[in-house]
C-alpha atoms as a PDB file:
ATOM      1  CA  UNK A   1      -3.266  17.131 -24.633  1.00  0.00           C
ATOM      2  CA  UNK A   2      -1.833  16.055 -21.290  1.00  0.00           C
ATOM      3  CA  UNK A   3      -2.027  12.361 -20.442  1.00  0.00           C
ATOM      4  CA  UNK A   4      -4.810  10.768 -18.480  1.00  0.00           C
ATOM      5  CA  UNK A   5      -4.061   9.919 -14.897  1.00  0.00           C
ATOM      6  CA  UNK A   6      -5.248   6.699 -13.352  1.00  0.00           C
ATOM      7  CA  UNK A   7      -5.739   6.974  -9.605  1.00  0.00           C
ATOM      8  CA  UNK A   8      -5.729   3.927  -7.364  1.00  0.00           C
ATOM      9  CA  UNK A   9      -5.935   3.227  -3.652  1.00  0.00           C
ATOM     10  CA  UNK A  10      -2.156   3.025  -3.233  1.00  0.00           C
ATOM     11  CA  UNK A  11      -0.022   6.158  -2.832  1.00  0.00           C
ATOM     12  CA  UNK A  12       2.606   6.320  -5.565  1.00  0.00           C
ATOM     13  CA  UNK A  13       0.655   3.925  -7.755  1.00  0.00           C
ATOM     14  CA  UNK A  14      -0.687   6.572 -10.141  1.00  0.00           C
ATOM     15  CA  UNK A  15      -0.103   5.247 -13.622  1.00  0.00           C
ATOM     16  CA  UNK A  16       0.514   7.781 -16.354  1.00  0.00           C
ATOM     17  CA  UNK A  17      -0.962   6.528 -19.612  1.00  0.00           C
ATOM     18  CA  UNK A  18      -0.787   8.064 -23.050  1.00  0.00           C
ATOM     19  CA  UNK A  19      -4.046   9.542 -24.156  1.00  0.00           C
ATOM     20  CA  UNK A  20      -6.650  12.098 -23.306  1.00  0.00           C
ATOM     21  CA  UNK A  21      -6.717  14.574 -20.523  1.00  0.00           C
ATOM     22  CA  UNK A  22      -7.925  13.415 -17.143  1.00  0.00           C
ATOM     23  CA  UNK A  23      -9.340  16.846 -16.552  1.00  0.00           C
ATOM     24  CA  UNK A  24     -13.030  17.394 -16.934  1.00  0.00           C
ATOM     25  CA  UNK A  25     -16.017  18.879 -15.220  1.00  0.00           C
ATOM     26  CA  UNK A  26     -16.051  17.905 -11.580  1.00  0.00           C
ATOM     27  CA  UNK A  27     -19.267  16.549 -10.094  1.00  0.00           C
ATOM     28  CA  UNK A  28     -21.602  19.279  -8.912  1.00  0.00           C
ATOM     29  CA  UNK A  29     -22.109  19.566  -5.194  1.00  0.00           C
ATOM     30  CA  UNK A  30     -25.468  18.038  -4.423  1.00  0.00           C
ATOM     31  CA  UNK A  31     -27.053  15.060  -2.775  1.00  0.00           C
ATOM     32  CA  UNK A  32     -27.572  13.064  -5.959  1.00  0.00           C
ATOM     33  CA  UNK A  33     -24.159  12.865  -7.529  1.00  0.00           C
ATOM     34  CA  UNK A  34     -21.302  10.521  -8.154  1.00  0.00           C
ATOM     35  CA  UNK A  35     -19.676   8.372  -5.535  1.00  0.00           C
ATOM     36  CA  UNK A  36     -16.192   8.818  -6.959  1.00  0.00           C
ATOM     37  CA  UNK A  37     -13.538   7.849  -4.465  1.00  0.00           C
ATOM     38  CA  UNK A  38     -15.941   6.321  -1.973  1.00  0.00           C
ATOM     39  CA  UNK A  39     -13.866   3.226  -1.353  1.00  0.00           C
ATOM     40  CA  UNK A  40     -10.561   4.816  -1.927  1.00  0.00           C
ATOM     41  CA  UNK A  41      -7.940   6.423   0.151  1.00  0.00           C
ATOM     42  CA  UNK A  42      -7.558   9.137   2.726  1.00  0.00           C
ATOM     43  CA  UNK A  43      -5.748   9.571   5.992  1.00  0.00           C
ATOM     44  CA  UNK A  44      -7.144   7.901   9.070  1.00  0.00           C
ATOM     45  CA  UNK A  45      -7.778  10.554  11.676  1.00  0.00           C
ATOM     46  CA  UNK A  46      -9.471   8.640  14.467  1.00  0.00           C
ATOM     47  CA  UNK A  47      -8.063   5.840  16.576  1.00  0.00           C
ATOM     48  CA  UNK A  48      -9.978   2.599  16.608  1.00  0.00           C
ATOM     49  CA  UNK A  49      -9.146   2.223  20.292  1.00  0.00           C
ATOM     50  CA  UNK A  50      -7.688  -0.613  22.295  1.00  0.00           C
ATOM     51  CA  UNK A  51      -8.447  -4.201  21.402  1.00  0.00           C
ATOM     52  CA  UNK A  52     -11.003  -5.866  23.628  1.00  0.00           C
ATOM     53  CA  UNK A  53     -10.975  -9.624  24.253  1.00  0.00           C
ATOM     54  CA  UNK A  54     -14.753  -9.669  23.979  1.00  0.00           C
ATOM     55  CA  UNK A  55     -14.962  -7.632  20.795  1.00  0.00           C
ATOM     56  CA  UNK A  56     -17.734  -8.077  18.262  1.00  0.00           C
ATOM     57  CA  UNK A  57     -15.383  -9.897  15.866  1.00  0.00           C
ATOM     58  CA  UNK A  58     -13.374 -11.939  18.346  1.00  0.00           C
ATOM     59  CA  UNK A  59     -12.068 -15.138  16.785  1.00  0.00           C
ATOM     60  CA  UNK A  60     -12.859 -14.125  13.202  1.00  0.00           C
ATOM     61  CA  UNK A  61     -10.450 -13.705  10.283  1.00  0.00           C
ATOM     62  CA  UNK A  62     -10.953 -10.751   7.919  1.00  0.00           C
ATOM     63  CA  UNK A  63      -9.270  -9.871   4.612  1.00  0.00           C
ATOM     64  CA  UNK A  64      -9.526  -6.206   3.646  1.00  0.00           C
ATOM     65  CA  UNK A  65      -8.329  -4.984   0.252  1.00  0.00           C
ATOM     66  CA  UNK A  66      -7.370  -1.388  -0.421  1.00  0.00           C
ATOM     67  CA  UNK A  67      -6.232  -1.280   3.199  1.00  0.00           C
ATOM     68  CA  UNK A  68      -3.339   1.159   2.868  1.00  0.00           C
ATOM     69  CA  UNK A  69      -5.543   4.236   3.221  1.00  0.00           C
ATOM     70  CA  UNK A  70      -9.054   5.582   3.600  1.00  0.00           C
ATOM     71  CA  UNK A  71     -11.978   3.236   4.179  1.00  0.00           C
ATOM     72  CA  UNK A  72      -9.813   0.135   3.924  1.00  0.00           C
ATOM     73  CA  UNK A  73      -7.430   1.344   6.603  1.00  0.00           C
ATOM     74  CA  UNK A  74     -10.206   2.556   8.897  1.00  0.00           C
ATOM     75  CA  UNK A  75     -11.977  -0.790   8.518  1.00  0.00           C
ATOM     76  CA  UNK A  76      -8.848  -2.819   9.260  1.00  0.00           C
ATOM     77  CA  UNK A  77      -8.149  -0.791  12.389  1.00  0.00           C
ATOM     78  CA  UNK A  78     -11.733  -1.037  13.643  1.00  0.00           C
ATOM     79  CA  UNK A  79     -12.087  -4.749  12.927  1.00  0.00           C
ATOM     80  CA  UNK A  80      -8.796  -5.431  14.730  1.00  0.00           C
ATOM     81  CA  UNK A  81      -9.983  -3.386  17.705  1.00  0.00           C
ATOM     82  CA  UNK A  82     -13.112  -5.563  17.738  1.00  0.00           C
ATOM     83  CA  UNK A  83     -11.007  -8.715  18.016  1.00  0.00           C
ATOM     84  CA  UNK A  84     -10.635  -9.909  14.417  1.00  0.00           C
ATOM     85  CA  UNK A  85      -7.351 -11.124  12.980  1.00  0.00           C
ATOM     86  CA  UNK A  86      -7.048  -8.792   9.990  1.00  0.00           C
ATOM     87  CA  UNK A  87      -5.112  -9.247   6.759  1.00  0.00           C
ATOM     88  CA  UNK A  88      -4.388  -5.967   4.987  1.00  0.00           C
ATOM     89  CA  UNK A  89      -3.968  -6.081   1.217  1.00  0.00           C
ATOM     90  CA  UNK A  90      -2.745  -3.285  -1.045  1.00  0.00           C
ATOM     91  CA  UNK A  91       0.053  -2.574  -3.479  1.00  0.00           C
ATOM     92  CA  UNK A  92       1.635  -0.174  -0.983  1.00  0.00           C
ATOM     93  CA  UNK A  93       3.726  -2.494   1.195  1.00  0.00           C
ATOM     94  CA  UNK A  94       5.335   0.279   3.262  1.00  0.00           C
ATOM     95  CA  UNK A  95       2.001   1.819   4.218  1.00  0.00           C
ATOM     96  CA  UNK A  96       0.582  -1.583   5.155  1.00  0.00           C
ATOM     97  CA  UNK A  97       3.510  -2.380   7.427  1.00  0.00           C
ATOM     98  CA  UNK A  98       3.072   0.891   9.286  1.00  0.00           C
ATOM     99  CA  UNK A  99      -0.625   0.229   9.856  1.00  0.00           C
ATOM    100  CA  UNK A 100       0.086  -3.310  11.037  1.00  0.00           C
ATOM    101  CA  UNK A 101       2.607  -2.008  13.566  1.00  0.00           C
ATOM    102  CA  UNK A 102      -0.031   0.323  14.949  1.00  0.00           C
ATOM    103  CA  UNK A 103      -2.609  -2.449  15.225  1.00  0.00           C
ATOM    104  CA  UNK A 104      -0.147  -4.766  16.948  1.00  0.00           C
ATOM    105  CA  UNK A 105       0.925  -2.008  19.333  1.00  0.00           C
ATOM    106  CA  UNK A 106      -2.728  -1.732  20.393  1.00  0.00           C
ATOM    107  CA  UNK A 107      -2.836  -5.476  21.062  1.00  0.00           C
ATOM    108  CA  UNK A 108      -4.415  -6.575  17.803  1.00  0.00           C
ATOM    109  CA  UNK A 109      -3.464  -9.250  15.291  1.00  0.00           C
ATOM    110  CA  UNK A 110      -2.679  -8.162  11.753  1.00  0.00           C
ATOM    111  CA  UNK A 111      -0.744  -9.205   8.678  1.00  0.00           C
ATOM    112  CA  UNK A 112       0.325  -7.094   5.699  1.00  0.00           C
ATOM    113  CA  UNK A 113       0.229  -8.835   2.320  1.00  0.00           C
ATOM    114  CA  UNK A 114       1.211  -6.679  -0.679  1.00  0.00           C
ATOM    115  CA  UNK A 115      -1.343  -7.560  -3.329  1.00  0.00           C
ATOM    116  CA  UNK A 116      -2.443  -6.580  -6.813  1.00  0.00           C
ATOM    117  CA  UNK A 117      -6.112  -7.559  -6.760  1.00  0.00           C
ATOM    118  CA  UNK A 118      -6.251  -7.631 -10.567  1.00  0.00           C
ATOM    119  CA  UNK A 119      -3.594 -10.373 -10.669  1.00  0.00           C
ATOM    120  CA  UNK A 120      -4.871 -13.925 -10.183  1.00  0.00           C
ATOM    121  CA  UNK A 121      -1.654 -15.292  -8.709  1.00  0.00           C
ATOM    122  CA  UNK A 122      -1.348 -12.340  -6.327  1.00  0.00           C
ATOM    123  CA  UNK A 123      -4.878 -12.896  -5.018  1.00  0.00           C
ATOM    124  CA  UNK A 124      -4.230 -16.623  -4.594  1.00  0.00           C
ATOM    125  CA  UNK A 125      -1.118 -15.811  -2.580  1.00  0.00           C
ATOM    126  CA  UNK A 126      -3.124 -13.385  -0.409  1.00  0.00           C
ATOM    127  CA  UNK A 127      -5.598 -16.037   0.635  1.00  0.00           C
ATOM    128  CA  UNK A 128      -2.901 -18.662   1.079  1.00  0.00           C
ATOM    129  CA  UNK A 129      -0.962 -16.336   3.397  1.00  0.00           C
ATOM    130  CA  UNK A 130      -4.158 -15.616   5.305  1.00  0.00           C
ATOM    131  CA  UNK A 131      -4.838 -19.314   5.879  1.00  0.00           C
ATOM    132  CA  UNK A 132      -1.245 -19.954   6.954  1.00  0.00           C
ATOM    133  CA  UNK A 133      -1.199 -17.088   9.433  1.00  0.00           C
ATOM    134  CA  UNK A 134      -4.698 -17.109  10.911  1.00  0.00           C
ATOM    135  CA  UNK A 135      -6.804 -19.839   9.297  1.00  0.00           C
ATOM    136  CA  UNK A 136      -9.524 -19.627   6.635  1.00  0.00           C
ATOM    137  CA  UNK A 137     -11.035 -16.242   5.936  1.00  0.00           C
ATOM    138  CA  UNK A 138     -14.502 -15.606   7.352  1.00  0.00           C
ATOM    139  CA  UNK A 139     -14.892 -11.967   6.298  1.00  0.00           C
ATOM    140  CA  UNK A 140     -13.876 -10.266   3.052  1.00  0.00           C
ATOM    141  CA  UNK A 141     -14.246  -6.524   2.481  1.00  0.00           C
ATOM    142  CA  UNK A 142     -13.338  -5.414  -1.053  1.00  0.00           C
ATOM    143  CA  UNK A 143     -12.278  -1.772  -0.712  1.00  0.00           C
ATOM    144  CA  UNK A 144      -9.615  -1.627  -3.445  1.00  0.00           C
ATOM    145  CA  UNK A 145     -10.527   0.730  -6.257  1.00  0.00           C
ATOM    146  CA  UNK A 146      -9.328   2.888  -9.127  1.00  0.00           C
ATOM    147  CA  UNK A 147     -10.783   5.819 -11.054  1.00  0.00           C
ATOM    148  CA  UNK A 148      -9.793   7.719 -14.182  1.00  0.00           C
ATOM    149  CA  UNK A 149     -11.421  10.893 -15.546  1.00  0.00           C
ATOM    150  CA  UNK A 150     -11.273  10.694 -19.351  1.00  0.00           C
ATOM    151  CA  UNK A 151     -13.802  11.804 -21.985  1.00  0.00           C
ATOM    152  CA  UNK A 152     -15.178   8.611 -23.505  1.00  0.00           C
ATOM    153  CA  UNK A 153     -14.180   9.411 -27.089  1.00  0.00           C
ATOM    154  CA  UNK A 154     -10.586   9.775 -25.900  1.00  0.00           C
ATOM    155  CA  UNK A 155     -10.553   6.708 -23.645  1.00  0.00           C
ATOM    156  CA  UNK A 156      -7.480   4.524 -24.097  1.00  0.00           C
ATOM    157  CA  UNK A 157      -8.046   0.783 -23.882  1.00  0.00           C
ATOM    158  CA  UNK A 158      -5.243   0.545 -21.319  1.00  0.00           C
ATOM    159  CA  UNK A 159      -7.024   2.999 -19.004  1.00  0.00           C
ATOM    160  CA  UNK A 160     -10.357   1.216 -19.402  1.00  0.00           C
ATOM    161  CA  UNK A 161      -8.732  -2.152 -18.673  1.00  0.00           C
ATOM    162  CA  UNK A 162      -6.865  -0.811 -15.646  1.00  0.00           C
ATOM    163  CA  UNK A 163      -9.988   0.636 -14.003  1.00  0.00           C
ATOM    164  CA  UNK A 164     -12.116  -2.444 -14.659  1.00  0.00           C
ATOM    165  CA  UNK A 165      -9.167  -4.644 -13.726  1.00  0.00           C
ATOM    166  CA  UNK A 166      -8.986  -3.241 -10.213  1.00  0.00           C
ATOM    167  CA  UNK A 167     -12.648  -2.547  -9.572  1.00  0.00           C
ATOM    168  CA  UNK A 168     -14.424  -5.474 -11.220  1.00  0.00           C
ATOM    169  CA  UNK A 169     -11.856  -8.174 -12.005  1.00  0.00           C
ATOM    170  CA  UNK A 170     -10.255  -7.611  -8.600  1.00  0.00           C
ATOM    171  CA  UNK A 171     -13.600  -8.000  -6.849  1.00  0.00           C
ATOM    172  CA  UNK A 172     -14.309 -11.166  -8.844  1.00  0.00           C
ATOM    173  CA  UNK A 173     -10.925 -12.722  -8.043  1.00  0.00           C
ATOM    174  CA  UNK A 174     -11.147 -11.959  -4.329  1.00  0.00           C
ATOM    175  CA  UNK A 175     -14.758 -13.135  -4.073  1.00  0.00           C
ATOM    176  CA  UNK A 176     -13.938 -16.381  -5.869  1.00  0.00           C
ATOM    177  CA  UNK A 177     -11.016 -17.033  -3.536  1.00  0.00           C
ATOM    178  CA  UNK A 178     -13.228 -16.246  -0.540  1.00  0.00           C
ATOM    179  CA  UNK A 179     -15.975 -18.607  -1.762  1.00  0.00           C
ATOM    180  CA  UNK A 180     -13.430 -21.400  -2.112  1.00  0.00           C
ATOM    181  CA  UNK A 181     -12.234 -20.802   1.444  1.00  0.00           C
ATOM    182  CA  UNK A 182     -15.669 -20.216   3.005  1.00  0.00           C
ATOM    183  CA  UNK A 183     -17.626 -23.128   1.537  1.00  0.00           C
ATOM    184  CA  UNK A 184     -15.630 -25.860   3.357  1.00  0.00           C
ATOM    185  CA  UNK A 185     -15.886 -24.021   6.681  1.00  0.00           C
ATOM    186  CA  UNK A 186     -19.621 -23.472   6.472  1.00  0.00           C
ATOM    187  CA  UNK A 187     -19.952 -19.841   5.432  1.00  0.00           C
ATOM    188  CA  UNK A 188     -18.779 -16.282   5.796  1.00  0.00           C
ATOM    189  CA  UNK A 189     -19.539 -12.673   4.884  1.00  0.00           C
ATOM    190  CA  UNK A 190     -18.439 -10.639   1.847  1.00  0.00           C
ATOM    191  CA  UNK A 191     -18.928  -6.888   1.448  1.00  0.00           C
ATOM    192  CA  UNK A 192     -18.229  -5.367  -1.963  1.00  0.00           C
ATOM    193  CA  UNK A 193     -17.944  -1.663  -2.690  1.00  0.00           C
ATOM    194  CA  UNK A 194     -20.025  -0.378  -5.547  1.00  0.00           C
ATOM    195  CA  UNK A 195     -20.939   3.334  -5.627  1.00  0.00           C
ATOM    196  CA  UNK A 196     -23.671   5.823  -6.367  1.00  0.00           C
ATOM    197  CA  UNK A 197     -21.922   5.859  -9.737  1.00  0.00           C
ATOM    198  CA  UNK A 198     -23.229   2.300 -10.192  1.00  0.00           C
ATOM    199  CA  UNK A 199     -26.816   3.012  -9.100  1.00  0.00           C
ATOM    200  CA  UNK A 200     -29.491   3.609 -11.778  1.00  0.00           C
ATOM    201  CA  UNK A 201     -31.250   6.973 -11.950  1.00  0.00           C
ATOM    202  CA  UNK A 202     -28.627   8.783  -9.910  1.00  0.00           C
ATOM    203  CA  UNK A 203     -26.883  11.713 -11.589  1.00  0.00           C
ATOM    204  CA  UNK A 204     -23.724  10.730 -13.473  1.00  0.00           C
ATOM    205  CA  UNK A 205     -20.769  12.887 -14.485  1.00  0.00           C
ATOM    206  CA  UNK A 206     -18.700  13.097 -17.672  1.00  0.00           C
ATOM    207  CA  UNK A 207     -15.351  11.359 -17.866  1.00  0.00           C
ATOM    208  CA  UNK A 208     -16.181   8.459 -15.552  1.00  0.00           C
ATOM    209  CA  UNK A 209     -17.385   5.840 -18.058  1.00  0.00           C
ATOM    210  CA  UNK A 210     -14.911   3.158 -16.965  1.00  0.00           C
ATOM    211  CA  UNK A 211     -15.537   3.815 -13.281  1.00  0.00           C
ATOM    212  CA  UNK A 212     -19.328   3.825 -13.632  1.00  0.00           C
ATOM    213  CA  UNK A 213     -19.302   0.648 -15.709  1.00  0.00           C
ATOM    214  CA  UNK A 214     -17.092  -1.130 -13.183  1.00  0.00           C
ATOM    215  CA  UNK A 215     -19.360  -0.160 -10.288  1.00  0.00           C
ATOM    216  CA  UNK A 216     -22.491  -1.355 -12.080  1.00  0.00           C
ATOM    217  CA  UNK A 217     -20.578  -4.596 -12.572  1.00  0.00           C
ATOM    218  CA  UNK A 218     -19.728  -4.886  -8.890  1.00  0.00           C
ATOM    219  CA  UNK A 219     -23.373  -4.371  -7.950  1.00  0.00           C
ATOM    220  CA  UNK A 220     -24.490  -7.058 -10.400  1.00  0.00           C
ATOM    221  CA  UNK A 221     -21.786  -9.469  -9.306  1.00  0.00           C
ATOM    222  CA  UNK A 222     -22.754  -8.992  -5.664  1.00  0.00           C
ATOM    223  CA  UNK A 223     -26.401  -9.710  -6.430  1.00  0.00           C
ATOM    224  CA  UNK A 224     -25.728 -13.035  -8.127  1.00  0.00           C
ATOM    225  CA  UNK A 225     -23.101 -14.045  -5.568  1.00  0.00           C
ATOM    226  CA  UNK A 226     -25.680 -13.528  -2.834  1.00  0.00           C
ATOM    227  CA  UNK A 227     -27.874 -16.073  -4.629  1.00  0.00           C
ATOM    228  CA  UNK A 228     -25.054 -18.576  -5.148  1.00  0.00           C
ATOM    229  CA  UNK A 229     -23.677 -18.061  -1.666  1.00  0.00           C
ATOM    230  CA  UNK A 230     -26.925 -18.541   0.218  1.00  0.00           C
ATOM    231  CA  UNK A 231     -26.898 -22.383   0.163  1.00  0.00           C
ATOM    232  CA  UNK A 232     -23.381 -22.260   1.613  1.00  0.00           C
ATOM    233  CA  UNK A 233     -24.230 -19.737   4.340  1.00  0.00           C
ATOM    234  CA  UNK A 234     -22.136 -17.086   2.555  1.00  0.00           C
ATOM    235  CA  UNK A 235     -23.741 -13.681   2.934  1.00  0.00           C
ATOM    236  CA  UNK A 236     -22.849 -11.165   0.195  1.00  0.00           C
ATOM    237  CA  UNK A 237     -23.706  -7.480   0.493  1.00  0.00           C
ATOM    238  CA  UNK A 238     -22.878  -4.479  -1.690  1.00  0.00           C
ATOM    239  CA  UNK A 239     -22.395  -0.942  -0.415  1.00  0.00           C
ATOM    240  CA  UNK A 240     -22.949   2.048  -2.724  1.00  0.00           C
ATOM    241  CA  UNK A 241     -21.944   5.252  -0.971  1.00  0.00           C
ATOM    242  CA  UNK A 242     -21.620   8.691  -2.412  1.00  0.00           C
ATOM    243  CA  UNK A 243     -18.805  10.986  -1.378  1.00  0.00           C
ATOM    244  CA  UNK A 244     -16.605   9.868   1.518  1.00  0.00           C
ATOM    245  CA  UNK A 245     -13.823  12.128   2.785  1.00  0.00           C
ATOM    246  CA  UNK A 246     -10.831  10.425   1.167  1.00  0.00           C
ATOM    247  CA  UNK A 247      -7.767  11.533  -0.704  1.00  0.00           C
ATOM    248  CA  UNK A 248      -9.111   9.875  -3.831  1.00  0.00           C
ATOM    249  CA  UNK A 249     -12.258  11.991  -3.721  1.00  0.00           C
ATOM    250  CA  UNK A 250     -10.204  15.157  -3.298  1.00  0.00           C
ATOM    251  CA  UNK A 251      -8.120  14.231  -6.357  1.00  0.00           C
ATOM    252  CA  UNK A 252     -10.900  12.971  -8.612  1.00  0.00           C
ATOM    253  CA  UNK A 253     -13.772  15.304  -7.662  1.00  0.00           C
ATOM    254  CA  UNK A 254     -12.496  18.270  -5.640  1.00  0.00           C
ATOM    255  CA  UNK A 255     -15.774  20.178  -5.952  1.00  0.00           C
ATOM    256  CA  UNK A 256     -17.806  17.399  -4.355  1.00  0.00           C
ATOM    257  CA  UNK A 257     -18.350  17.720  -0.614  1.00  0.00           C
ATOM    258  CA  UNK A 258     -18.112  14.517   1.406  1.00  0.00           C
ATOM    259  CA  UNK A 259     -20.868  13.800   3.880  1.00  0.00           C
ATOM    260  CA  UNK A 260     -19.132  11.044   5.833  1.00  0.00           C
ATOM    261  CA  UNK A 261     -15.701   9.947   7.011  1.00  0.00           C
ATOM    262  CA  UNK A 262     -13.902   6.638   6.456  1.00  0.00           C
ATOM    263  CA  UNK A 263     -14.386   5.877  10.150  1.00  0.00           C
ATOM    264  CA  UNK A 264     -18.142   6.323   9.862  1.00  0.00           C
ATOM    265  CA  UNK A 265     -18.148   3.991   6.876  1.00  0.00           C
ATOM    266  CA  UNK A 266     -16.087   1.446   8.820  1.00  0.00           C
ATOM    267  CA  UNK A 267     -18.680   1.376  11.589  1.00  0.00           C
ATOM    268  CA  UNK A 268     -21.380   0.628   9.034  1.00  0.00           C
ATOM    269  CA  UNK A 269     -19.232  -2.228   7.721  1.00  0.00           C
ATOM    270  CA  UNK A 270     -18.802  -3.562  11.262  1.00  0.00           C
ATOM    271  CA  UNK A 271     -22.571  -3.873  11.498  1.00  0.00           C
ATOM    272  CA  UNK A 272     -22.861  -5.458   8.054  1.00  0.00           C
ATOM    273  CA  UNK A 273     -20.427  -8.272   8.841  1.00  0.00           C
ATOM    274  CA  UNK A 274     -22.065  -8.967  12.203  1.00  0.00           C
ATOM    275  CA  UNK A 275     -24.918 -11.341  13.072  1.00  0.00           C
ATOM    276  CA  UNK A 276     -27.553  -8.595  13.314  1.00  0.00           C
ATOM    277  CA  UNK A 277     -27.171  -7.979   9.572  1.00  0.00           C
ATOM    278  CA  UNK A 278     -27.903 -11.598   8.658  1.00  0.00           C
ATOM    279  CA  UNK A 279     -31.244 -10.706   6.971  1.00  0.00           C
ATOM    280  CA  UNK A 280     -29.456  -8.239   4.666  1.00  0.00           C
ATOM    281  CA  UNK A 281     -27.838 -10.809   2.368  1.00  0.00           C
ATOM    282  CA  UNK A 282     -28.223  -9.656  -1.235  1.00  0.00           C
ATOM    283  CA  UNK A 283     -28.773  -6.029  -0.206  1.00  0.00           C
ATOM    284  CA  UNK A 284     -27.124  -3.128  -2.012  1.00  0.00           C
ATOM    285  CA  UNK A 285     -26.890  -0.480   0.710  1.00  0.00           C
ATOM    286  CA  UNK A 286     -27.201   2.876  -1.050  1.00  0.00           C
ATOM    287  CA  UNK A 287     -25.847   5.809   0.951  1.00  0.00           C
ATOM    288  CA  UNK A 288     -26.477   9.360  -0.264  1.00  0.00           C
ATOM    289  CA  UNK A 289     -23.438  10.746   1.521  1.00  0.00           C
ATOM    290  CA  UNK A 290     -22.736  13.750  -0.666  1.00  0.00           C
ATOM    291  CA  UNK A 291     -22.570  16.858   1.491  1.00  0.00           C
END
């Protein structure tokens, strides 16, 4: 059988692993199905606009993982346009540099930090670079993600570890680093991407056992971090969308129709990190965005 293919947020970062086929039945097109690819990659098609001095995020520092494409890129561009100093993290250094140039050309402040979120030292370096360039992080958005379609009986341990490494371990490492930076400064906001694939009683699809498990883990981690963060004024929120129009969705589930764009998702995130969303700490925002 052909090898499984692990898809991540970074172009060119597809890892070919020995084992079962990555082919399988694609999710059916309906409003209940999998959120495969929701926090992954896809080209940005709308400009975030010029930076305004009085933007909603003026004076704030945001770290955004998975920022080389899709939701991560759209979020970085929008947050910068709203006045935040944004730090873009991904394994795709070339893509990050191009996005940073665009943000700076529009008058924004941005820094590209090539990062493997599953690597503890890499995440530590990300937050150290952030503090050196802009000061302590006040906003973290964990968009980095990976998915592999493999029948469970044929799942290779390396594929399982790689998916959970990016999606769950990566979220843990970045959240821990953010907590350590936010507690001394009196608080902050963290948004973690789960998925409809990690929501109970929503239709699931064969071949996504590692992905689904990782997204359940992210939802659970976010819930307990909201409890532990509350005394420190750290607000933690999870987002569980269905299909978003990204390149990852088109690769992993081509038969699933997306009901929202990365830019629409970014505007939801802008609200979630703002003061009007303060009562939503501990919320898992479930979005049935399948077309």
